[in-house]
N, C-alpha and C. Protein backbone atom coordinates (compact mmCIF):
# COMPACT_ATOMS: atom_id res chain seq x y z
N UNK A 1 7.67 -72.51 -2.26
CA UNK A 1 8.55 -71.59 -2.96
C UNK A 1 7.81 -70.33 -3.42
N UNK A 2 6.55 -70.43 -3.76
CA UNK A 2 5.79 -69.28 -4.25
C UNK A 2 5.76 -68.15 -3.22
N UNK A 3 5.48 -68.48 -1.96
CA UNK A 3 5.42 -67.45 -0.93
C UNK A 3 6.77 -66.80 -0.71
N UNK A 4 7.83 -67.58 -0.75
CA UNK A 4 9.18 -67.04 -0.59
C UNK A 4 9.52 -66.10 -1.74
N UNK A 5 9.15 -66.49 -2.95
CA UNK A 5 9.40 -65.66 -4.13
C UNK A 5 8.62 -64.35 -4.04
N UNK A 6 7.38 -64.41 -3.58
CA UNK A 6 6.58 -63.20 -3.42
C UNK A 6 7.20 -62.26 -2.38
N UNK A 7 7.74 -62.83 -1.33
CA UNK A 7 8.39 -62.02 -0.29
C UNK A 7 9.59 -61.27 -0.87
N UNK A 8 10.38 -61.94 -1.69
CA UNK A 8 11.53 -61.28 -2.33
C UNK A 8 11.05 -60.09 -3.16
N UNK A 9 10.00 -60.28 -3.95
CA UNK A 9 9.49 -59.21 -4.80
C UNK A 9 8.94 -58.07 -3.96
N UNK A 10 8.18 -58.37 -2.93
CA UNK A 10 7.63 -57.32 -2.05
C UNK A 10 8.75 -56.50 -1.42
N UNK A 11 9.77 -57.18 -0.94
CA UNK A 11 10.90 -56.48 -0.30
C UNK A 11 11.66 -55.63 -1.32
N UNK A 12 11.82 -56.14 -2.55
CA UNK A 12 12.48 -55.38 -3.60
C UNK A 12 11.70 -54.09 -3.89
N UNK A 13 10.39 -54.20 -4.05
CA UNK A 13 9.56 -53.01 -4.32
C UNK A 13 9.72 -52.00 -3.19
N UNK A 14 9.65 -52.45 -1.96
CA UNK A 14 9.73 -51.52 -0.83
C UNK A 14 11.11 -50.91 -0.67
N UNK A 15 12.14 -51.74 -0.61
CA UNK A 15 13.49 -51.24 -0.30
C UNK A 15 14.18 -50.54 -1.47
N UNK A 16 13.98 -51.04 -2.67
CA UNK A 16 14.70 -50.47 -3.82
C UNK A 16 13.84 -49.47 -4.58
N UNK A 17 12.65 -49.89 -5.01
CA UNK A 17 11.83 -49.01 -5.83
C UNK A 17 11.24 -47.85 -5.02
N UNK A 18 10.63 -48.14 -3.88
CA UNK A 18 10.00 -47.07 -3.12
C UNK A 18 10.98 -46.22 -2.34
N UNK A 19 11.98 -46.84 -1.74
CA UNK A 19 12.94 -46.08 -0.94
C UNK A 19 14.07 -45.49 -1.77
N UNK A 20 14.16 -45.87 -3.05
CA UNK A 20 15.20 -45.33 -3.91
C UNK A 20 16.59 -45.82 -3.56
N UNK A 21 16.69 -46.93 -2.86
CA UNK A 21 17.98 -47.47 -2.44
C UNK A 21 18.52 -48.38 -3.56
N UNK A 22 19.04 -47.75 -4.62
CA UNK A 22 19.49 -48.49 -5.79
C UNK A 22 20.65 -49.41 -5.44
N UNK A 23 21.50 -48.99 -4.51
CA UNK A 23 22.65 -49.83 -4.12
C UNK A 23 22.21 -51.14 -3.49
N UNK A 24 21.00 -51.19 -2.94
CA UNK A 24 20.49 -52.43 -2.34
C UNK A 24 19.97 -53.39 -3.40
N UNK A 25 19.94 -52.99 -4.66
CA UNK A 25 19.39 -53.84 -5.72
C UNK A 25 20.09 -55.20 -5.77
N UNK A 26 21.39 -55.23 -5.50
CA UNK A 26 22.13 -56.49 -5.52
C UNK A 26 21.70 -57.48 -4.47
N UNK A 27 20.99 -57.02 -3.45
CA UNK A 27 20.45 -57.93 -2.44
C UNK A 27 19.28 -58.73 -2.99
N UNK A 28 18.64 -58.21 -4.05
CA UNK A 28 17.42 -58.81 -4.59
C UNK A 28 17.56 -59.30 -6.02
N UNK A 29 18.54 -58.77 -6.75
CA UNK A 29 18.73 -59.10 -8.16
C UNK A 29 20.07 -59.80 -8.33
N UNK A 30 20.06 -60.94 -9.02
CA UNK A 30 21.29 -61.69 -9.26
C UNK A 30 22.20 -60.92 -10.22
N UNK A 31 23.48 -61.07 -10.05
CA UNK A 31 24.48 -60.40 -10.89
C UNK A 31 24.22 -60.66 -12.38
N UNK A 32 23.91 -61.90 -12.72
CA UNK A 32 23.71 -62.27 -14.12
C UNK A 32 22.25 -62.29 -14.55
N UNK A 33 21.40 -61.50 -13.91
CA UNK A 33 19.98 -61.46 -14.24
C UNK A 33 19.79 -61.27 -15.75
N UNK A 34 18.83 -61.96 -16.30
CA UNK A 34 18.46 -61.79 -17.71
C UNK A 34 17.22 -60.91 -17.72
N UNK A 35 17.38 -59.69 -18.20
CA UNK A 35 16.27 -58.74 -18.23
C UNK A 35 15.83 -58.56 -19.67
N UNK A 36 14.70 -59.16 -20.00
CA UNK A 36 14.17 -59.13 -21.36
C UNK A 36 13.60 -57.75 -21.73
N UNK A 37 13.53 -56.84 -20.76
CA UNK A 37 12.90 -55.54 -20.99
C UNK A 37 13.89 -54.39 -21.08
N UNK A 38 15.17 -54.66 -20.91
CA UNK A 38 16.16 -53.58 -20.98
C UNK A 38 16.31 -53.06 -22.40
N UNK A 39 16.41 -51.75 -22.56
CA UNK A 39 16.71 -51.21 -23.90
C UNK A 39 18.09 -51.68 -24.35
N UNK A 40 18.32 -51.76 -25.65
CA UNK A 40 19.59 -52.29 -26.16
C UNK A 40 20.82 -51.50 -25.72
N UNK A 41 20.67 -50.22 -25.41
CA UNK A 41 21.84 -49.43 -25.01
C UNK A 41 22.27 -49.68 -23.57
N UNK A 42 21.46 -50.41 -22.81
CA UNK A 42 21.80 -50.71 -21.42
C UNK A 42 22.69 -51.95 -21.34
N UNK A 43 23.62 -51.95 -20.39
CA UNK A 43 24.42 -53.16 -20.21
C UNK A 43 23.56 -54.29 -19.65
N UNK A 44 23.96 -55.52 -19.86
CA UNK A 44 23.18 -56.64 -19.32
C UNK A 44 23.40 -56.79 -17.82
N UNK A 45 22.61 -57.68 -17.24
CA UNK A 45 22.80 -58.06 -15.85
C UNK A 45 22.39 -57.00 -14.84
N UNK A 46 22.93 -57.16 -13.64
CA UNK A 46 22.60 -56.27 -12.53
C UNK A 46 22.92 -54.81 -12.86
N UNK A 47 24.02 -54.57 -13.57
CA UNK A 47 24.40 -53.20 -13.91
C UNK A 47 23.31 -52.52 -14.73
N UNK A 48 22.76 -53.20 -15.72
CA UNK A 48 21.69 -52.63 -16.54
C UNK A 48 20.43 -52.39 -15.73
N UNK A 49 20.10 -53.33 -14.85
CA UNK A 49 18.92 -53.16 -13.99
C UNK A 49 19.08 -51.94 -13.10
N UNK A 50 20.27 -51.76 -12.53
CA UNK A 50 20.51 -50.60 -11.67
C UNK A 50 20.42 -49.30 -12.47
N UNK A 51 20.93 -49.31 -13.69
CA UNK A 51 20.84 -48.09 -14.51
C UNK A 51 19.40 -47.73 -14.82
N UNK A 52 18.56 -48.75 -15.10
CA UNK A 52 17.14 -48.47 -15.36
C UNK A 52 16.45 -47.92 -14.11
N UNK A 53 16.77 -48.49 -12.97
CA UNK A 53 16.20 -48.00 -11.71
C UNK A 53 16.62 -46.55 -11.46
N UNK A 54 17.89 -46.25 -11.72
CA UNK A 54 18.40 -44.89 -11.54
C UNK A 54 17.72 -43.91 -12.50
N UNK A 55 17.54 -44.34 -13.76
CA UNK A 55 16.90 -43.48 -14.75
C UNK A 55 15.47 -43.15 -14.32
N UNK A 56 14.74 -44.15 -13.85
CA UNK A 56 13.38 -43.92 -13.40
C UNK A 56 13.36 -43.00 -12.18
N UNK A 57 14.28 -43.20 -11.26
CA UNK A 57 14.34 -42.37 -10.05
C UNK A 57 14.69 -40.92 -10.39
N UNK A 58 15.58 -40.71 -11.36
CA UNK A 58 15.92 -39.33 -11.77
C UNK A 58 14.73 -38.66 -12.46
N UNK A 59 14.02 -39.42 -13.29
CA UNK A 59 12.89 -38.85 -14.03
C UNK A 59 11.71 -38.54 -13.11
N UNK A 60 11.44 -39.45 -12.18
CA UNK A 60 10.31 -39.31 -11.25
C UNK A 60 10.84 -39.45 -9.83
N UNK A 61 11.57 -38.45 -9.31
CA UNK A 61 12.28 -38.62 -8.04
C UNK A 61 11.39 -38.90 -6.84
N UNK A 62 10.13 -38.52 -6.91
CA UNK A 62 9.22 -38.76 -5.79
C UNK A 62 8.31 -39.96 -6.03
N UNK A 63 8.66 -40.80 -7.01
CA UNK A 63 7.73 -41.86 -7.38
C UNK A 63 7.51 -42.87 -6.25
N UNK A 64 6.32 -43.41 -6.27
CA UNK A 64 5.89 -44.42 -5.30
C UNK A 64 5.34 -45.59 -6.08
N UNK A 65 5.84 -46.78 -5.82
CA UNK A 65 5.34 -47.98 -6.48
C UNK A 65 4.27 -48.62 -5.61
N UNK A 66 3.17 -48.97 -6.23
CA UNK A 66 2.07 -49.64 -5.54
C UNK A 66 1.81 -50.96 -6.25
N UNK A 67 1.84 -52.04 -5.50
CA UNK A 67 1.52 -53.36 -6.04
C UNK A 67 0.02 -53.55 -5.87
N UNK A 68 -0.68 -53.68 -7.00
CA UNK A 68 -2.13 -53.86 -6.96
C UNK A 68 -2.51 -55.33 -6.92
N UNK A 69 -1.69 -56.18 -7.49
CA UNK A 69 -1.96 -57.63 -7.49
C UNK A 69 -0.64 -58.37 -7.66
N UNK A 70 -0.56 -59.53 -7.03
CA UNK A 70 0.62 -60.37 -7.15
C UNK A 70 0.18 -61.82 -7.16
N UNK A 71 0.70 -62.55 -8.15
CA UNK A 71 0.39 -63.97 -8.29
C UNK A 71 1.71 -64.71 -8.45
N UNK A 72 1.84 -65.84 -7.79
CA UNK A 72 3.08 -66.61 -7.91
C UNK A 72 2.77 -68.08 -8.12
N UNK A 73 3.60 -68.69 -8.93
CA UNK A 73 3.55 -70.13 -9.12
C UNK A 73 4.99 -70.60 -9.23
N UNK A 74 5.38 -71.43 -8.28
CA UNK A 74 6.76 -71.88 -8.27
C UNK A 74 7.70 -70.71 -8.11
N UNK A 75 8.66 -70.58 -9.03
CA UNK A 75 9.64 -69.49 -8.93
C UNK A 75 9.27 -68.28 -9.77
N UNK A 76 8.08 -68.26 -10.36
CA UNK A 76 7.64 -67.16 -11.22
C UNK A 76 6.61 -66.31 -10.48
N UNK A 77 6.86 -64.97 -10.45
CA UNK A 77 5.97 -64.03 -9.77
C UNK A 77 5.52 -62.98 -10.77
N UNK A 78 4.20 -62.74 -10.82
CA UNK A 78 3.63 -61.69 -11.66
C UNK A 78 3.04 -60.61 -10.76
N UNK A 79 3.34 -59.36 -11.09
CA UNK A 79 2.75 -58.25 -10.34
C UNK A 79 2.13 -57.27 -11.32
N UNK A 80 1.00 -56.71 -10.91
CA UNK A 80 0.42 -55.56 -11.61
C UNK A 80 0.63 -54.41 -10.66
N UNK A 81 1.39 -53.41 -11.12
CA UNK A 81 1.69 -52.29 -10.23
C UNK A 81 1.70 -50.98 -11.00
N UNK A 82 1.81 -49.91 -10.23
CA UNK A 82 1.88 -48.59 -10.83
C UNK A 82 2.94 -47.77 -10.10
N UNK A 83 3.53 -46.86 -10.84
CA UNK A 83 4.45 -45.88 -10.28
C UNK A 83 3.80 -44.52 -10.49
N UNK A 84 3.63 -43.75 -9.43
CA UNK A 84 3.10 -42.40 -9.55
C UNK A 84 4.15 -41.44 -9.03
N UNK A 85 4.44 -40.41 -9.83
CA UNK A 85 5.44 -39.43 -9.42
C UNK A 85 5.39 -38.21 -10.31
N UNK A 86 6.21 -37.24 -9.96
CA UNK A 86 6.28 -35.99 -10.69
C UNK A 86 7.45 -36.04 -11.67
N UNK A 87 7.16 -35.75 -12.92
CA UNK A 87 8.17 -35.81 -13.99
C UNK A 87 9.09 -34.59 -13.87
N UNK A 88 10.19 -34.76 -13.13
CA UNK A 88 11.12 -33.66 -12.88
C UNK A 88 12.48 -33.85 -13.54
N UNK A 89 12.68 -34.98 -14.22
CA UNK A 89 13.96 -35.24 -14.89
C UNK A 89 13.72 -35.82 -16.27
N UNK A 90 14.77 -35.82 -17.08
CA UNK A 90 14.69 -36.37 -18.43
C UNK A 90 14.22 -37.82 -18.37
N UNK A 91 13.26 -38.16 -19.21
CA UNK A 91 12.73 -39.52 -19.23
C UNK A 91 12.65 -39.99 -20.67
N UNK A 92 13.54 -40.90 -21.05
CA UNK A 92 13.56 -41.46 -22.39
C UNK A 92 13.57 -40.35 -23.45
N UNK A 93 14.38 -39.32 -23.21
CA UNK A 93 14.51 -38.22 -24.15
C UNK A 93 13.45 -37.14 -24.00
N UNK A 94 12.55 -37.29 -23.07
CA UNK A 94 11.48 -36.29 -22.86
C UNK A 94 11.90 -35.37 -21.72
N UNK A 95 12.06 -34.07 -21.99
CA UNK A 95 12.46 -33.15 -20.93
C UNK A 95 11.39 -33.06 -19.85
N UNK A 96 11.78 -32.65 -18.64
CA UNK A 96 10.82 -32.57 -17.53
C UNK A 96 9.60 -31.71 -17.86
N UNK A 97 8.43 -32.21 -17.47
CA UNK A 97 7.18 -31.47 -17.70
C UNK A 97 6.59 -30.93 -16.41
N UNK A 98 7.02 -31.46 -15.27
CA UNK A 98 6.44 -31.06 -14.00
C UNK A 98 5.09 -31.71 -13.73
N UNK A 99 4.64 -32.56 -14.65
CA UNK A 99 3.34 -33.23 -14.49
C UNK A 99 3.45 -34.43 -13.56
N UNK A 100 2.38 -34.67 -12.83
CA UNK A 100 2.28 -35.90 -12.06
C UNK A 100 1.71 -36.97 -12.99
N UNK A 101 2.41 -38.09 -13.07
CA UNK A 101 2.01 -39.17 -13.97
C UNK A 101 1.92 -40.48 -13.21
N UNK A 102 1.14 -41.38 -13.77
CA UNK A 102 1.05 -42.74 -13.24
C UNK A 102 1.38 -43.71 -14.36
N UNK A 103 2.41 -44.49 -14.15
CA UNK A 103 2.85 -45.48 -15.12
C UNK A 103 2.34 -46.85 -14.66
N UNK A 104 1.47 -47.44 -15.48
CA UNK A 104 0.91 -48.76 -15.17
C UNK A 104 1.77 -49.83 -15.83
N UNK A 105 2.04 -50.91 -15.12
CA UNK A 105 2.85 -51.98 -15.70
C UNK A 105 2.55 -53.33 -15.08
N UNK A 106 2.98 -54.34 -15.81
CA UNK A 106 2.91 -55.72 -15.34
C UNK A 106 4.33 -56.27 -15.42
N UNK A 107 4.79 -56.82 -14.33
CA UNK A 107 6.13 -57.43 -14.25
C UNK A 107 6.00 -58.92 -14.05
N UNK A 108 6.90 -59.65 -14.68
CA UNK A 108 7.09 -61.07 -14.39
C UNK A 108 8.55 -61.23 -14.00
N UNK A 109 8.80 -61.88 -12.89
CA UNK A 109 10.17 -62.17 -12.49
C UNK A 109 10.28 -63.63 -12.09
N UNK A 110 11.46 -64.18 -12.34
CA UNK A 110 11.77 -65.53 -11.88
C UNK A 110 12.76 -65.38 -10.73
N UNK A 111 12.46 -66.06 -9.62
CA UNK A 111 13.27 -65.96 -8.41
C UNK A 111 13.91 -67.31 -8.13
N UNK A 112 15.22 -67.29 -7.94
CA UNK A 112 15.97 -68.48 -7.53
C UNK A 112 16.95 -68.09 -6.44
N UNK A 113 17.06 -68.92 -5.44
CA UNK A 113 17.98 -68.64 -4.32
C UNK A 113 17.77 -67.23 -3.76
N UNK A 114 16.50 -66.84 -3.66
CA UNK A 114 16.09 -65.57 -3.07
C UNK A 114 16.56 -64.34 -3.84
N UNK A 115 16.82 -64.51 -5.15
CA UNK A 115 17.19 -63.37 -5.99
C UNK A 115 16.46 -63.46 -7.32
N UNK A 116 16.19 -62.29 -7.89
CA UNK A 116 15.56 -62.21 -9.19
C UNK A 116 16.60 -62.57 -10.24
N UNK A 117 16.30 -63.59 -11.05
CA UNK A 117 17.25 -64.06 -12.06
C UNK A 117 16.77 -63.79 -13.48
N UNK A 118 15.48 -63.44 -13.63
CA UNK A 118 14.94 -63.15 -14.95
C UNK A 118 13.78 -62.17 -14.80
N UNK A 119 13.63 -61.26 -15.78
CA UNK A 119 12.61 -60.22 -15.68
C UNK A 119 12.03 -59.89 -17.06
N UNK A 120 10.71 -59.72 -17.10
CA UNK A 120 9.98 -59.21 -18.26
C UNK A 120 9.03 -58.15 -17.72
N UNK A 121 8.74 -57.11 -18.51
CA UNK A 121 7.66 -56.22 -18.11
C UNK A 121 6.94 -55.66 -19.31
N UNK A 122 5.71 -55.28 -19.06
CA UNK A 122 4.85 -54.66 -20.06
C UNK A 122 4.37 -53.35 -19.45
N UNK A 123 4.68 -52.24 -20.12
CA UNK A 123 4.35 -50.91 -19.62
C UNK A 123 3.30 -50.29 -20.54
N UNK A 124 2.33 -49.61 -19.95
CA UNK A 124 1.35 -48.86 -20.73
C UNK A 124 2.03 -47.58 -21.22
N UNK A 125 2.83 -47.72 -22.27
CA UNK A 125 3.59 -46.58 -22.80
C UNK A 125 2.68 -45.53 -23.42
N UNK A 126 1.60 -45.96 -24.08
CA UNK A 126 0.67 -45.01 -24.67
C UNK A 126 0.08 -44.10 -23.60
N UNK A 127 -0.43 -44.71 -22.53
CA UNK A 127 -1.01 -43.92 -21.44
C UNK A 127 0.00 -42.97 -20.82
N UNK A 128 1.24 -43.43 -20.65
CA UNK A 128 2.28 -42.58 -20.09
C UNK A 128 2.60 -41.41 -21.01
N UNK A 129 2.74 -41.67 -22.31
CA UNK A 129 3.05 -40.60 -23.26
C UNK A 129 1.91 -39.59 -23.34
N UNK A 130 0.66 -40.04 -23.19
CA UNK A 130 -0.47 -39.11 -23.17
C UNK A 130 -0.41 -38.23 -21.92
N UNK A 131 -0.08 -38.83 -20.77
CA UNK A 131 0.02 -38.04 -19.54
C UNK A 131 1.14 -37.02 -19.60
N UNK A 132 2.23 -37.37 -20.29
CA UNK A 132 3.36 -36.45 -20.42
C UNK A 132 3.11 -35.38 -21.47
N UNK A 133 2.01 -35.51 -22.24
CA UNK A 133 1.68 -34.53 -23.26
C UNK A 133 2.42 -34.73 -24.57
N UNK A 134 3.10 -35.86 -24.71
CA UNK A 134 3.85 -36.17 -25.94
C UNK A 134 2.88 -36.62 -27.03
N UNK A 135 1.81 -37.31 -26.65
CA UNK A 135 0.78 -37.78 -27.58
C UNK A 135 -0.57 -37.26 -27.10
N UNK A 136 -1.50 -37.06 -28.02
CA UNK A 136 -2.84 -36.61 -27.59
C UNK A 136 -3.54 -37.71 -26.80
N UNK A 137 -4.43 -37.28 -25.92
CA UNK A 137 -5.20 -38.22 -25.13
C UNK A 137 -6.29 -38.88 -25.96
N UNK A 138 -7.05 -39.77 -25.34
CA UNK A 138 -8.14 -40.43 -26.06
C UNK A 138 -9.19 -39.41 -26.47
N UNK A 139 -9.94 -39.67 -27.55
CA UNK A 139 -11.01 -38.75 -27.97
C UNK A 139 -12.00 -38.55 -26.83
N UNK A 140 -12.59 -37.35 -26.77
CA UNK A 140 -13.55 -37.08 -25.70
C UNK A 140 -14.73 -38.03 -25.82
N UNK A 141 -15.28 -38.37 -24.68
CA UNK A 141 -16.40 -39.30 -24.64
C UNK A 141 -15.96 -40.74 -24.44
N UNK A 142 -14.66 -41.00 -24.54
CA UNK A 142 -14.15 -42.36 -24.32
C UNK A 142 -13.37 -42.37 -23.02
N UNK A 143 -13.49 -43.46 -22.33
CA UNK A 143 -12.74 -43.62 -21.08
C UNK A 143 -11.26 -43.77 -21.42
N UNK A 144 -10.37 -43.27 -20.56
CA UNK A 144 -8.94 -43.34 -20.81
C UNK A 144 -8.20 -44.25 -19.99
């Protein structure tokens, strides 16, 4: 089951996240997905997941997702990945800056019947806000 679950996640990253094919999200995400990472203003389930994908695509229209590591056990898949793109649209209330940014994150998804049924993620929000110029960067002399 682990290899099958990893295949679902790889295909989701390629077809939906990288190609921007948000309408294909339903091929990989269950209608009743439980997304522990959605902001409260988003609807639950597949609709909320699609809205988040659309928001990210509008903010970083040229973004590319890269999976740096993937580990699976049973129906649970963990990925460490990054999205790199140009901030050309509103992102979480931040107007476009034109900066190229890299958003680092870790995702956990549970896959059943070849669809994502549960999702958690951890995003390096501090690093992203520093790249967008919303917060100051690390003090000089320290690695960032």
